[in-house]
Amino acid sequence: MATQKKKRKRDIEKNYPVTQFVKKLRRLADCIEQGQRFQIQVAGERVSIPATAIINIEHERGDSSEEVEFQLRWTREK
């Protein structure tokens, strides 16, 4: 029986040029629309997002800046 490696905690933020970001968003939108799993590599690690992921948009405002985050959240399979 295969055992799964325990994944370490991770909090990465990666900047992308506009053209790469747009391509990733288009691939994500296509997968969401088709009910398919989405795979992406972020800072050298491949991440597989199930079609059942919860999608939300978050807006944060501070004293001098604002932020909008498009989030996908799911429970990892054991």
PDB file of N, CA and C in Angstrom:
ATOM      1  N   MET A   1       0.843  -1.173   0.000  1.00  0.00           N
ATOM      2  CA  MET A   1       0.000   0.000   0.000  1.00  0.00           C
ATOM      3  C   MET A   1       0.894   1.244   0.000  1.00  0.00           C
ATOM      4  N   ALA A   2       0.604   2.187  -0.884  1.00  0.00           N
ATOM      5  CA  ALA A   2       1.398   3.421  -0.971  1.00  0.00           C
ATOM      6  C   ALA A   2       1.045   4.364   0.164  1.00  0.00           C
ATOM      7  N   THR A   3       2.051   5.006   0.712  1.00  0.00           N
ATOM      8  CA  THR A   3       1.800   5.987   1.758  1.00  0.00           C
ATOM      9  C   THR A   3       2.027   7.372   1.186  1.00  0.00           C
ATOM     10  N   GLN A   4       1.205   8.310   1.635  1.00  0.00           N
ATOM     11  CA  GLN A   4       1.348   9.667   1.146  1.00  0.00           C
ATOM     12  C   GLN A   4       2.281  10.444   2.050  1.00  0.00           C
ATOM     13  N   LYS A   5       3.093  11.281   1.436  1.00  0.00           N
ATOM     14  CA  LYS A   5       4.000  12.139   2.155  1.00  0.00           C
ATOM     15  C   LYS A   5       3.208  13.249   2.838  1.00  0.00           C
ATOM     16  N   LYS A   6       3.531  13.558   4.088  1.00  0.00           N
ATOM     17  CA  LYS A   6       2.862  14.645   4.769  1.00  0.00           C
ATOM     18  C   LYS A   6       3.352  15.963   4.176  1.00  0.00           C
ATOM     19  N   LYS A   7       2.404  16.829   3.808  1.00  0.00           N
ATOM     20  CA  LYS A   7       2.769  18.105   3.201  1.00  0.00           C
ATOM     21  C   LYS A   7       3.038  19.130   4.281  1.00  0.00           C
ATOM     22  N   ARG A   8       4.125  19.880   4.080  1.00  0.00           N
ATOM     23  CA  ARG A   8       4.485  20.935   5.020  1.00  0.00           C
ATOM     24  C   ARG A   8       3.580  22.141   4.807  1.00  0.00           C
ATOM     25  N   LYS A   9       3.421  22.934   5.858  1.00  0.00           N
ATOM     26  CA  LYS A   9       2.668  24.175   5.734  1.00  0.00           C
ATOM     27  C   LYS A   9       3.411  25.085   4.767  1.00  0.00           C
ATOM     28  N   ARG A  10       2.643  25.890   4.058  1.00  0.00           N
ATOM     29  CA  ARG A  10       3.238  26.731   3.029  1.00  0.00           C
ATOM     30  C   ARG A  10       2.400  27.991   2.863  1.00  0.00           C
ATOM     31  N   ASP A  11       3.041  29.115   2.708  1.00  0.00           N
ATOM     32  CA  ASP A  11       2.350  30.376   2.448  1.00  0.00           C
ATOM     33  C   ASP A  11       3.206  31.161   1.459  1.00  0.00           C
ATOM     34  N   ILE A  12       2.896  31.029   0.187  1.00  0.00           N
ATOM     35  CA  ILE A  12       3.697  31.609  -0.892  1.00  0.00           C
ATOM     36  C   ILE A  12       2.877  32.671  -1.614  1.00  0.00           C
ATOM     37  N   GLU A  13       3.511  33.754  -1.951  1.00  0.00           N
ATOM     38  CA  GLU A  13       2.903  34.759  -2.811  1.00  0.00           C
ATOM     39  C   GLU A  13       3.848  34.962  -3.980  1.00  0.00           C
ATOM     40  N   LYS A  14       3.349  34.792  -5.203  1.00  0.00           N
ATOM     41  CA  LYS A  14       4.206  34.869  -6.392  1.00  0.00           C
ATOM     42  C   LYS A  14       3.623  35.877  -7.367  1.00  0.00           C
ATOM     43  N   ASN A  15       4.447  36.783  -7.826  1.00  0.00           N
ATOM     44  CA  ASN A  15       4.030  37.763  -8.831  1.00  0.00           C
ATOM     45  C   ASN A  15       4.275  37.205 -10.224  1.00  0.00           C
ATOM     46  N   TYR A  16       3.357  37.527 -11.147  1.00  0.00           N
ATOM     47  CA  TYR A  16       3.465  37.076 -12.532  1.00  0.00           C
ATOM     48  C   TYR A  16       3.299  38.259 -13.463  1.00  0.00           C
ATOM     49  N   PRO A  17       3.953  38.213 -14.631  1.00  0.00           N
ATOM     50  CA  PRO A  17       3.676  39.220 -15.664  1.00  0.00           C
ATOM     51  C   PRO A  17       2.207  39.095 -16.095  1.00  0.00           C
ATOM     52  N   VAL A  18       1.630  40.187 -16.556  1.00  0.00           N
ATOM     53  CA  VAL A  18       0.210  40.213 -16.915  1.00  0.00           C
ATOM     54  C   VAL A  18      -0.149  39.092 -17.887  1.00  0.00           C
ATOM     55  N   THR A  19       0.651  38.861 -18.922  1.00  0.00           N
ATOM     56  CA  THR A  19       0.305  37.841 -19.920  1.00  0.00           C
ATOM     57  C   THR A  19       0.227  36.443 -19.311  1.00  0.00           C
ATOM     58  N   GLN A  20       1.145  36.097 -18.419  1.00  0.00           N
ATOM     59  CA  GLN A  20       1.110  34.786 -17.758  1.00  0.00           C
ATOM     60  C   GLN A  20      -0.086  34.680 -16.824  1.00  0.00           C
ATOM     61  N   PHE A  21      -0.370  35.750 -16.091  1.00  0.00           N
ATOM     62  CA  PHE A  21      -1.506  35.759 -15.167  1.00  0.00           C
ATOM     63  C   PHE A  21      -2.815  35.544 -15.925  1.00  0.00           C
ATOM     64  N   VAL A  22      -2.959  36.227 -17.048  1.00  0.00           N
ATOM     65  CA  VAL A  22      -4.172  36.097 -17.860  1.00  0.00           C
ATOM     66  C   VAL A  22      -4.328  34.662 -18.363  1.00  0.00           C
ATOM     67  N   LYS A  23      -3.241  34.045 -18.833  1.00  0.00           N
ATOM     68  CA  LYS A  23      -3.309  32.655 -19.306  1.00  0.00           C
ATOM     69  C   LYS A  23      -3.755  31.720 -18.186  1.00  0.00           C
ATOM     70  N   LYS A  24      -3.222  31.919 -16.986  1.00  0.00           N
ATOM     71  CA  LYS A  24      -3.591  31.076 -15.847  1.00  0.00           C
ATOM     72  C   LYS A  24      -5.068  31.273 -15.490  1.00  0.00           C
ATOM     73  N   LEU A  25      -5.525  32.522 -15.481  1.00  0.00           N
ATOM     74  CA  LEU A  25      -6.935  32.789 -15.186  1.00  0.00           C
ATOM     75  C   LEU A  25      -7.860  32.155 -16.217  1.00  0.00           C
ATOM     76  N   ARG A  26      -7.467  32.205 -17.491  1.00  0.00           N
ATOM     77  CA  ARG A  26      -8.293  31.595 -18.538  1.00  0.00           C
ATOM     78  C   ARG A  26      -8.375  30.083 -18.370  1.00  0.00           C
ATOM     79  N   ARG A  27      -7.233  29.454 -18.070  1.00  0.00           N
ATOM     80  CA  ARG A  27      -7.237  28.002 -17.847  1.00  0.00           C
ATOM     81  C   ARG A  27      -8.111  27.656 -16.644  1.00  0.00           C
ATOM     82  N   LEU A  28      -7.984  28.461 -15.566  1.00  0.00           N
ATOM     83  CA  LEU A  28      -8.798  28.234 -14.365  1.00  0.00           C
ATOM     84  C   LEU A  28     -10.277  28.374 -14.691  1.00  0.00           C
ATOM     85  N   ALA A  29     -10.643  29.450 -15.388  1.00  0.00           N
ATOM     86  CA  ALA A  29     -12.047  29.674 -15.738  1.00  0.00           C
ATOM     87  C   ALA A  29     -12.593  28.526 -16.584  1.00  0.00           C
ATOM     88  N   ASP A  30     -11.803  28.040 -17.533  1.00  0.00           N
ATOM     89  CA  ASP A  30     -12.243  26.911 -18.364  1.00  0.00           C
ATOM     90  C   ASP A  30     -12.495  25.673 -17.513  1.00  0.00           C
ATOM     91  N   CYS A  31     -11.587  25.373 -16.585  1.00  0.00           N
ATOM     92  CA  CYS A  31     -11.753  24.197 -15.730  1.00  0.00           C
ATOM     93  C   CYS A  31     -12.978  24.334 -14.836  1.00  0.00           C
ATOM     94  N   ILE A  32     -13.182  25.513 -14.255  1.00  0.00           N
ATOM     95  CA  ILE A  32     -14.349  25.734 -13.397  1.00  0.00           C
ATOM     96  C   ILE A  32     -15.621  25.545 -14.207  1.00  0.00           C
ATOM     97  N   GLU A  33     -15.661  26.149 -15.372  1.00  0.00           N
ATOM     98  CA  GLU A  33     -16.842  26.070 -16.225  1.00  0.00           C
ATOM     99  C   GLU A  33     -17.149  24.632 -16.650  1.00  0.00           C
ATOM    100  N   GLN A  34     -16.105  23.840 -16.881  1.00  0.00           N
ATOM    101  CA  GLN A  34     -16.281  22.459 -17.337  1.00  0.00           C
ATOM    102  C   GLN A  34     -16.361  21.458 -16.190  1.00  0.00           C
ATOM    103  N   GLY A  35     -16.267  21.938 -14.943  1.00  0.00           N
ATOM    104  CA  GLY A  35     -16.336  21.045 -13.793  1.00  0.00           C
ATOM    105  C   GLY A  35     -15.140  20.117 -13.683  1.00  0.00           C
ATOM    106  N   GLN A  36     -13.959  20.607 -14.094  1.00  0.00           N
ATOM    107  CA  GLN A  36     -12.749  19.785 -14.091  1.00  0.00           C
ATOM    108  C   GLN A  36     -11.749  20.259 -13.042  1.00  0.00           C
ATOM    109  N   ARG A  37     -10.887  19.338 -12.658  1.00  0.00           N
ATOM    110  CA  ARG A  37      -9.769  19.641 -11.751  1.00  0.00           C
ATOM    111  C   ARG A  37      -8.830  20.630 -12.441  1.00  0.00           C
ATOM    112  N   PHE A  38      -8.260  21.554 -11.672  1.00  0.00           N
ATOM    113  CA  PHE A  38      -7.315  22.537 -12.197  1.00  0.00           C
ATOM    114  C   PHE A  38      -5.943  22.270 -11.594  1.00  0.00           C
ATOM    115  N   GLN A  39      -4.917  22.231 -12.426  1.00  0.00           N
ATOM    116  CA  GLN A  39      -3.556  22.022 -11.933  1.00  0.00           C
ATOM    117  C   GLN A  39      -2.702  23.224 -12.287  1.00  0.00           C
ATOM    118  N   ILE A  40      -1.899  23.635 -11.324  1.00  0.00           N
ATOM    119  CA  ILE A  40      -1.032  24.790 -11.507  1.00  0.00           C
ATOM    120  C   ILE A  40       0.256  24.564 -10.731  1.00  0.00           C
ATOM    121  N   GLN A  41       1.341  25.100 -11.221  1.00  0.00           N
ATOM    122  CA  GLN A  41       2.605  25.025 -10.497  1.00  0.00           C
ATOM    123  C   GLN A  41       2.888  26.409  -9.932  1.00  0.00           C
ATOM    124  N   VAL A  42       3.121  26.472  -8.625  1.00  0.00           N
ATOM    125  CA  VAL A  42       3.404  27.729  -7.943  1.00  0.00           C
ATOM    126  C   VAL A  42       4.731  27.600  -7.215  1.00  0.00           C
ATOM    127  N   ALA A  43       5.675  28.429  -7.584  1.00  0.00           N
ATOM    128  CA  ALA A  43       7.001  28.444  -6.951  1.00  0.00           C
ATOM    129  C   ALA A  43       7.586  27.032  -6.856  1.00  0.00           C
ATOM    130  N   GLY A  44       7.505  26.285  -7.962  1.00  0.00           N
ATOM    131  CA  GLY A  44       8.135  24.975  -8.039  1.00  0.00           C
ATOM    132  C   GLY A  44       7.328  23.807  -7.510  1.00  0.00           C
ATOM    133  N   GLU A  45       6.135  24.036  -6.995  1.00  0.00           N
ATOM    134  CA  GLU A  45       5.310  22.932  -6.485  1.00  0.00           C
ATOM    135  C   GLU A  45       4.001  22.853  -7.261  1.00  0.00           C
ATOM    136  N   ARG A  46       3.694  21.634  -7.732  1.00  0.00           N
ATOM    137  CA  ARG A  46       2.454  21.434  -8.466  1.00  0.00           C
ATOM    138  C   ARG A  46       1.299  21.292  -7.477  1.00  0.00           C
ATOM    139  N   VAL A  47       0.233  22.045  -7.769  1.00  0.00           N
ATOM    140  CA  VAL A  47      -0.963  22.043  -6.923  1.00  0.00           C
ATOM    141  C   VAL A  47      -2.129  21.585  -7.780  1.00  0.00           C
ATOM    142  N   SER A  48      -2.915  20.655  -7.254  1.00  0.00           N
ATOM    143  CA  SER A  48      -4.070  20.124  -7.963  1.00  0.00           C
ATOM    144  C   SER A  48      -5.334  20.526  -7.202  1.00  0.00           C
ATOM    145  N   ILE A  49      -6.171  21.312  -7.843  1.00  0.00           N
ATOM    146  CA  ILE A  49      -7.371  21.856  -7.210  1.00  0.00           C
ATOM    147  C   ILE A  49      -8.585  21.092  -7.730  1.00  0.00           C
ATOM    148  N   PRO A  50      -9.322  20.435  -6.846  1.00  0.00           N
ATOM    149  CA  PRO A  50     -10.473  19.648  -7.305  1.00  0.00           C
ATOM    150  C   PRO A  50     -11.606  20.540  -7.809  1.00  0.00           C
ATOM    151  N   ALA A  51     -12.434  19.984  -8.666  1.00  0.00           N
ATOM    152  CA  ALA A  51     -13.577  20.710  -9.215  1.00  0.00           C
ATOM    153  C   ALA A  51     -14.559  21.120  -8.119  1.00  0.00           C
ATOM    154  N   THR A  52     -14.501  20.456  -6.967  1.00  0.00           N
ATOM    155  CA  THR A  52     -15.422  20.736  -5.863  1.00  0.00           C
ATOM    156  C   THR A  52     -14.928  21.842  -4.933  1.00  0.00           C
ATOM    157  N   ALA A  53     -13.810  22.478  -5.263  1.00  0.00           N
ATOM    158  CA  ALA A  53     -13.264  23.537  -4.410  1.00  0.00           C
ATOM    159  C   ALA A  53     -14.283  24.662  -4.230  1.00  0.00           C
ATOM    160  N   ILE A  54     -14.274  25.258  -3.052  1.00  0.00           N
ATOM    161  CA  ILE A  54     -15.137  26.404  -2.763  1.00  0.00           C
ATOM    162  C   ILE A  54     -14.434  27.648  -3.290  1.00  0.00           C
ATOM    163  N   ILE A  55     -15.177  28.469  -4.016  1.00  0.00           N
ATOM    164  CA  ILE A  55     -14.611  29.664  -4.640  1.00  0.00           C
ATOM    165  C   ILE A  55     -15.182  30.892  -3.943  1.00  0.00           C
ATOM    166  N   ASN A  56     -14.301  31.814  -3.543  1.00  0.00           N
ATOM    167  CA  ASN A  56     -14.790  33.068  -2.988  1.00  0.00           C
ATOM    168  C   ASN A  56     -13.868  34.209  -3.383  1.00  0.00           C
ATOM    169  N   ILE A  57     -14.376  35.413  -3.203  1.00  0.00           N
ATOM    170  CA  ILE A  57     -13.604  36.620  -3.486  1.00  0.00           C
ATOM    171  C   ILE A  57     -13.542  37.419  -2.196  1.00  0.00           C
ATOM    172  N   GLU A  58     -12.340  37.836  -1.844  1.00  0.00           N
ATOM    173  CA  GLU A  58     -12.117  38.557  -0.598  1.00  0.00           C
ATOM    174  C   GLU A  58     -11.591  39.958  -0.912  1.00  0.00           C
ATOM    175  N   HIS A  59     -12.085  40.950  -0.197  1.00  0.00           N
ATOM    176  CA  HIS A  59     -11.610  42.331  -0.356  1.00  0.00           C
ATOM    177  C   HIS A  59     -11.114  42.815   0.996  1.00  0.00           C
ATOM    178  N   GLU A  60      -9.897  43.325   1.009  1.00  0.00           N
ATOM    179  CA  GLU A  60      -9.307  43.871   2.228  1.00  0.00           C
ATOM    180  C   GLU A  60      -8.919  45.317   1.986  1.00  0.00           C
ATOM    181  N   ARG A  61      -9.125  46.153   2.999  1.00  0.00           N
ATOM    182  CA  ARG A  61      -8.739  47.553   2.899  1.00  0.00           C
ATOM    183  C   ARG A  61      -7.952  47.928   4.143  1.00  0.00           C
ATOM    184  N   GLY A  62      -6.794  48.517   3.937  1.00  0.00           N
ATOM    185  CA  GLY A  62      -5.980  49.009   5.035  1.00  0.00           C
ATOM    186  C   GLY A  62      -5.927  50.519   4.991  1.00  0.00           C
ATOM    187  N   ASP A  63      -5.014  51.098   5.749  1.00  0.00           N
ATOM    188  CA  ASP A  63      -4.883  52.555   5.781  1.00  0.00           C
ATOM    189  C   ASP A  63      -4.449  53.129   4.441  1.00  0.00           C
ATOM    190  N   SER A  64      -3.558  52.433   3.730  1.00  0.00           N
ATOM    191  CA  SER A  64      -3.017  53.005   2.498  1.00  0.00           C
ATOM    192  C   SER A  64      -3.099  52.080   1.284  1.00  0.00           C
ATOM    193  N   SER A  65      -3.707  50.906   1.446  1.00  0.00           N
ATOM    194  CA  SER A  65      -3.781  49.992   0.303  1.00  0.00           C
ATOM    195  C   SER A  65      -5.039  49.140   0.371  1.00  0.00           C
ATOM    196  N   GLU A  66      -5.374  48.546  -0.760  1.00  0.00           N
ATOM    197  CA  GLU A  66      -6.500  47.616  -0.852  1.00  0.00           C
ATOM    198  C   GLU A  66      -6.053  46.373  -1.585  1.00  0.00           C
ATOM    199  N   GLU A  67      -6.788  45.295  -1.367  1.00  0.00           N
ATOM    200  CA  GLU A  67      -6.420  44.014  -1.959  1.00  0.00           C
ATOM    201  C   GLU A  67      -7.686  43.223  -2.280  1.00  0.00           C
ATOM    202  N   VAL A  68      -7.689  42.582  -3.443  1.00  0.00           N
ATOM    203  CA  VAL A  68      -8.756  41.650  -3.814  1.00  0.00           C
ATOM    204  C   VAL A  68      -8.091  40.311  -4.056  1.00  0.00           C
ATOM    205  N   GLU A  69      -8.623  39.264  -3.417  1.00  0.00           N
ATOM    206  CA  GLU A  69      -8.092  37.907  -3.589  1.00  0.00           C
ATOM    207  C   GLU A  69      -9.190  37.005  -4.127  1.00  0.00           C
ATOM    208  N   PHE A  70      -8.861  36.267  -5.176  1.00  0.00           N
ATOM    209  CA  PHE A  70      -9.738  35.218  -5.678  1.00  0.00           C
ATOM    210  C   PHE A  70      -9.233  33.938  -5.034  1.00  0.00           C
ATOM    211  N   GLN A  71     -10.070  33.299  -4.226  1.00  0.00           N
ATOM    212  CA  GLN A  71      -9.610  32.142  -3.462  1.00  0.00           C
ATOM    213  C   GLN A  71     -10.358  30.879  -3.854  1.00  0.00           C
ATOM    214  N   LEU A  72      -9.605  29.777  -3.839  1.00  0.00           N
ATOM    215  CA  LEU A  72     -10.178  28.448  -4.009  1.00  0.00           C
ATOM    216  C   LEU A  72      -9.760  27.654  -2.782  1.00  0.00           C
ATOM    217  N   ARG A  73     -10.697  27.040  -2.105  1.00  0.00           N
ATOM    218  CA  ARG A  73     -10.410  26.328  -0.867  1.00  0.00           C
ATOM    219  C   ARG A  73     -11.009  24.917  -0.951  1.00  0.00           C
ATOM    220  N   TRP A  74     -10.227  23.933  -0.495  1.00  0.00           N
ATOM    221  CA  TRP A  74     -10.675  22.546  -0.525  1.00  0.00           C
ATOM    222  C   TRP A  74     -10.004  21.775   0.585  1.00  0.00           C
ATOM    223  N   THR A  75     -10.562  20.636   0.874  1.00  0.00           N
ATOM    224  CA  THR A  75      -9.984  19.728   1.862  1.00  0.00           C
ATOM    225  C   THR A  75      -9.108  18.719   1.128  1.00  0.00           C
ATOM    226  N   ARG A  76      -7.878  18.567   1.612  1.00  0.00           N
ATOM    227  CA  ARG A  76      -6.963  17.597   0.977  1.00  0.00           C
ATOM    228  C   ARG A  76      -7.464  16.177   1.236  1.00  0.00           C
ATOM    229  N   GLU A  77      -7.252  15.357   0.239  1.00  0.00           N
ATOM    230  CA  GLU A  77      -7.611  13.929   0.366  1.00  0.00           C
ATOM    231  C   GLU A  77      -6.553  13.257   1.222  1.00  0.00           C
ATOM    232  N   LYS A  78      -6.976  12.342   2.057  1.00  0.00           N
ATOM    233  CA  LYS A  78      -6.023  11.647   2.945  1.00  0.00           C
ATOM    234  C   LYS A  78      -5.619  10.332   2.383  1.00  0.00           C
TER     235      LYS A  78
END
